[in-house]
Protein backbone atom coordinates (compact mmCIF):
# COMPACT_ATOMS: atom_id res chain seq x y z
CA UNK A 1 -40.86 99.95 -24.58
CA UNK A 2 -42.56 99.30 -27.91
CA UNK A 3 -40.68 102.10 -29.67
CA UNK A 4 -37.18 101.47 -28.32
CA UNK A 5 -37.01 97.77 -29.23
CA UNK A 6 -37.02 96.26 -32.70
CA UNK A 7 -40.17 94.35 -33.57
CA UNK A 8 -39.75 90.77 -32.44
CA UNK A 9 -37.23 91.50 -29.66
CA UNK A 10 -39.65 91.09 -26.77
CA UNK A 11 -41.43 88.18 -28.42
CA UNK A 12 -38.18 86.26 -28.82
CA UNK A 13 -37.20 87.02 -25.23
CA UNK A 14 -40.51 85.72 -23.91
CA UNK A 15 -40.29 82.68 -26.19
CA UNK A 16 -36.86 81.82 -24.80
CA UNK A 17 -38.32 81.66 -21.27
CA UNK A 18 -41.06 79.12 -21.83
CA UNK A 19 -41.92 76.79 -18.94
CA UNK A 20 -44.38 73.85 -18.85
CA UNK A 21 -46.47 75.60 -16.20
CA UNK A 22 -46.91 78.85 -18.15
CA UNK A 23 -47.43 76.92 -21.38
CA UNK A 24 -50.47 75.20 -19.88
CA UNK A 25 -51.62 78.30 -18.00
CA UNK A 26 -51.58 80.74 -20.92
CA UNK A 27 -52.94 78.18 -23.37
CA UNK A 28 -56.04 78.01 -21.17
CA UNK A 29 -56.16 81.59 -19.91
CA UNK A 30 -56.04 83.06 -23.42
CA UNK A 31 -59.66 81.92 -23.90
CA UNK A 32 -60.75 84.59 -21.42
CA UNK A 33 -60.43 86.91 -24.40
CA UNK A 34 -62.81 84.87 -26.58
CA UNK A 35 -65.93 86.66 -27.76
CA UNK A 36 -68.11 83.90 -26.30
CA UNK A 37 -66.59 84.49 -22.86
CA UNK A 38 -67.36 88.21 -23.09
CA UNK A 39 -70.95 87.53 -24.14
CA UNK A 40 -71.52 85.12 -21.24
CA UNK A 41 -69.96 87.55 -18.77
CA UNK A 42 -72.29 90.28 -20.01
CA UNK A 43 -75.34 88.09 -19.41
CA UNK A 44 -74.14 87.25 -15.89
CA UNK A 45 -73.43 90.93 -15.16
CA UNK A 46 -76.91 91.98 -16.25
CA UNK A 47 -78.37 89.46 -13.80
CA UNK A 48 -75.94 90.68 -11.13
CA UNK A 49 -76.86 94.34 -11.66
CA UNK A 50 -80.56 93.44 -11.62
CA UNK A 51 -80.34 91.88 -8.18
CA UNK A 52 -77.74 94.33 -6.87
CA UNK A 53 -80.08 97.24 -7.54
CA UNK A 54 -82.78 95.26 -5.68
CA UNK A 55 -84.86 95.06 -8.84
CA UNK A 56 -85.99 98.64 -8.19
CA UNK A 57 -84.48 100.23 -11.27
CA UNK A 58 -85.15 98.18 -14.42
CA UNK A 59 -84.17 101.15 -16.62
CA UNK A 60 -80.68 101.14 -15.14
CA UNK A 61 -80.35 97.41 -15.82
CA UNK A 62 -81.61 97.93 -19.38
CA UNK A 63 -79.12 100.69 -20.14
CA UNK A 64 -76.30 98.69 -18.54
CA UNK A 65 -77.15 95.73 -20.76
CA UNK A 66 -77.31 97.91 -23.87
CA UNK A 67 -73.94 99.46 -23.05
CA UNK A 68 -72.29 96.14 -22.17
CA UNK A 69 -73.37 94.44 -25.38
CA UNK A 70 -72.59 97.48 -27.53
CA UNK A 71 -69.10 97.42 -26.03
CA UNK A 72 -68.81 93.75 -26.92
CA UNK A 73 -70.12 94.18 -30.46
CA UNK A 74 -68.61 97.51 -31.54
CA UNK A 75 -65.09 97.02 -30.15
CA UNK A 76 -65.02 93.49 -31.54
CA UNK A 77 -66.23 94.56 -34.99
CA UNK A 78 -63.76 97.45 -35.01
CA UNK A 79 -60.87 95.09 -34.29
CA UNK A 80 -62.01 92.66 -36.98
CA UNK A 81 -62.45 95.45 -39.53
CA UNK A 82 -58.93 96.72 -38.93
CA UNK A 83 -57.49 93.19 -39.00
CA UNK A 84 -59.25 92.11 -42.18
CA UNK A 85 -59.57 95.30 -44.23
CA UNK A 86 -56.95 97.82 -43.06
CA UNK A 87 -54.04 95.49 -42.23
CA UNK A 88 -55.02 92.14 -43.83
CA UNK A 89 -51.41 91.27 -44.69
CA UNK A 90 -49.95 91.95 -41.24
CA UNK A 91 -47.90 88.84 -40.55
CA UNK A 92 -47.94 86.98 -37.25
CA UNK A 93 -44.78 86.44 -35.17
CA UNK A 94 -44.47 82.79 -36.22
CA UNK A 95 -43.98 83.96 -39.83
CA UNK A 96 -41.87 87.07 -39.24
CA UNK A 97 -39.58 85.26 -36.80
CA UNK A 98 -39.45 81.97 -38.70
CA UNK A 99 -35.68 82.25 -39.17
CA UNK A 100 -35.22 82.05 -35.38
CA UNK A 101 -35.53 79.02 -33.15
CA UNK A 102 -39.06 79.21 -31.78
CA UNK A 103 -40.56 77.12 -29.03
CA UNK A 104 -44.18 76.15 -29.63
CA UNK A 105 -46.76 75.35 -26.99
CA UNK A 106 -48.07 71.85 -27.54
CA UNK A 107 -51.64 71.80 -28.80
CA UNK A 108 -51.46 75.31 -30.28
CA UNK A 109 -51.90 76.13 -33.95
CA UNK A 110 -50.03 79.24 -35.07
CA UNK A 111 -51.82 81.66 -37.38
CA UNK A 112 -50.06 83.52 -40.16
CA UNK A 113 -51.99 86.68 -41.07
CA UNK A 114 -54.29 89.38 -39.58
CA UNK A 115 -51.92 90.12 -36.75
CA UNK A 116 -52.85 93.76 -36.09
CA UNK A 117 -54.56 94.47 -33.76
CA UNK A 118 -55.11 91.62 -31.32
CA UNK A 119 -58.81 90.77 -31.20
CA UNK A 120 -58.43 88.87 -27.92
CA UNK A 121 -56.75 91.88 -26.30
CA UNK A 122 -59.53 94.13 -27.54
CA UNK A 123 -62.16 91.81 -26.11
CA UNK A 124 -60.54 91.25 -22.72
CA UNK A 125 -59.81 94.93 -22.07
CA UNK A 126 -63.33 95.89 -23.09
CA UNK A 127 -64.66 93.18 -20.78
CA UNK A 128 -62.40 94.37 -17.96
CA UNK A 129 -63.82 97.88 -18.25
CA UNK A 130 -67.38 96.54 -18.16
CA UNK A 131 -66.52 94.50 -15.06
CA UNK A 132 -64.97 97.55 -13.40
CA UNK A 133 -68.14 99.54 -13.96
CA UNK A 134 -70.42 96.74 -12.75
CA UNK A 135 -68.45 96.27 -9.52
CA UNK A 136 -67.14 99.78 -8.89
CA UNK A 137 -69.68 102.30 -10.20
CA UNK A 138 -71.68 103.65 -7.23
CA UNK A 139 -74.89 103.34 -9.20
CA UNK A 140 -74.49 99.58 -9.04
CA UNK A 141 -72.51 99.11 -5.81
CA UNK A 142 -73.06 102.10 -3.54
CA UNK A 143 -72.13 100.10 -0.43
CA UNK A 144 -68.66 99.06 -1.58
CA UNK A 145 -65.82 100.68 0.34
CA UNK A 146 -62.91 102.40 -1.39
CA UNK A 147 -60.62 99.47 -0.56
CA UNK A 148 -62.96 96.98 -2.19
CA UNK A 149 -63.30 99.18 -5.28
CA UNK A 150 -59.50 99.43 -5.56
CA UNK A 151 -59.22 95.64 -5.13
CA UNK A 152 -61.68 94.95 -7.96
CA UNK A 153 -59.98 97.47 -10.24
CA UNK A 154 -56.60 95.83 -9.68
CA UNK A 155 -58.12 92.35 -10.11
CA UNK A 156 -59.80 93.12 -13.44
CA UNK A 157 -56.82 95.12 -14.75
CA UNK A 158 -54.50 92.21 -13.89
CA UNK A 159 -56.83 89.77 -15.62
CA UNK A 160 -56.83 91.92 -18.76
CA UNK A 161 -53.05 92.34 -18.80
CA UNK A 162 -52.47 88.59 -18.36
CA UNK A 163 -55.00 87.79 -21.08
CA UNK A 164 -53.35 90.18 -23.51
CA UNK A 165 -49.88 88.96 -22.57
CA UNK A 166 -50.97 85.38 -23.28
CA UNK A 167 -51.31 86.32 -26.95
CA UNK A 168 -47.67 87.36 -27.10
CA UNK A 169 -46.53 84.40 -25.00
CA UNK A 170 -48.24 82.03 -27.44
CA UNK A 171 -46.63 83.88 -30.38
CA UNK A 172 -50.00 84.76 -31.85
CA UNK A 173 -49.30 88.50 -31.71
CA UNK A 174 -46.57 91.10 -31.40
CA UNK A 175 -46.44 93.45 -28.45
CA UNK A 176 -47.68 96.31 -30.64
CA UNK A 177 -50.71 94.19 -31.63
CA UNK A 178 -51.82 93.57 -28.06
CA UNK A 179 -51.08 97.19 -27.11
CA UNK A 180 -53.31 98.50 -29.90
CA UNK A 181 -56.02 95.96 -29.12
CA UNK A 182 -55.92 96.88 -25.44
CA UNK A 183 -56.36 100.58 -26.19
CA UNK A 184 -59.19 99.88 -28.63
CA UNK A 185 -61.05 97.67 -26.16
CA UNK A 186 -60.63 99.82 -23.06
CA UNK A 187 -61.20 103.25 -24.58
CA UNK A 188 -63.90 102.03 -26.93
CA UNK A 189 -65.94 100.83 -23.94
CA UNK A 190 -65.09 103.98 -21.97
CA UNK A 191 -66.31 106.29 -24.74
CA UNK A 192 -69.53 104.30 -25.11
CA UNK A 193 -70.03 104.48 -21.35
CA UNK A 194 -69.75 108.28 -21.37
CA UNK A 195 -72.06 108.61 -24.37
CA UNK A 196 -74.75 106.37 -22.90
CA UNK A 197 -74.65 107.33 -19.21
CA UNK A 198 -73.63 111.00 -19.24
CA UNK A 199 -77.26 112.21 -19.35
CA UNK A 200 -78.62 109.47 -17.12
CA UNK A 201 -77.51 110.63 -13.68
CA UNK A 202 -81.07 110.35 -12.45
CA UNK A 203 -81.22 106.61 -13.05
């Protein structure tokens, strides 16, 4: 989809289908991808894991916390490094598509540079992976049935997709920006998970 359409095609199509409801919804929901949100979620998840493991395995809680915050820090820093040092002149949709009629969500300030990749998409997909592990990994939730695990996976994946899409809806990023950010966030957290927990099966 990204390769077959010219850059800006999907953004203009989405922009032409603005509605008051989605304007308000995505203007608020986009903050799910804020770094502060991710940090607060990590704190809450550490408390959740602590009580879910019946306080019997503090080492597991410690390693979960280390992994969760490393995911938050390293994926976020990677996105910011790419945005500011590799592609500092990548223009935002509001600049590239300025010759077109663009609808703007009231109360939103468009940015002009550092478009690639989307930092919000990186954050929300990294957070979604951390949530999936906290609620679906048997080390933390051995009593959850397969149906509940599938439900949580779908819930967190949907949350991440909507959060990333909000960046395109608000014309803060191109589709390729949120796609790259999503891959960076999800796979960055996944690789860290494997590196940290692969030799800790006895926890």
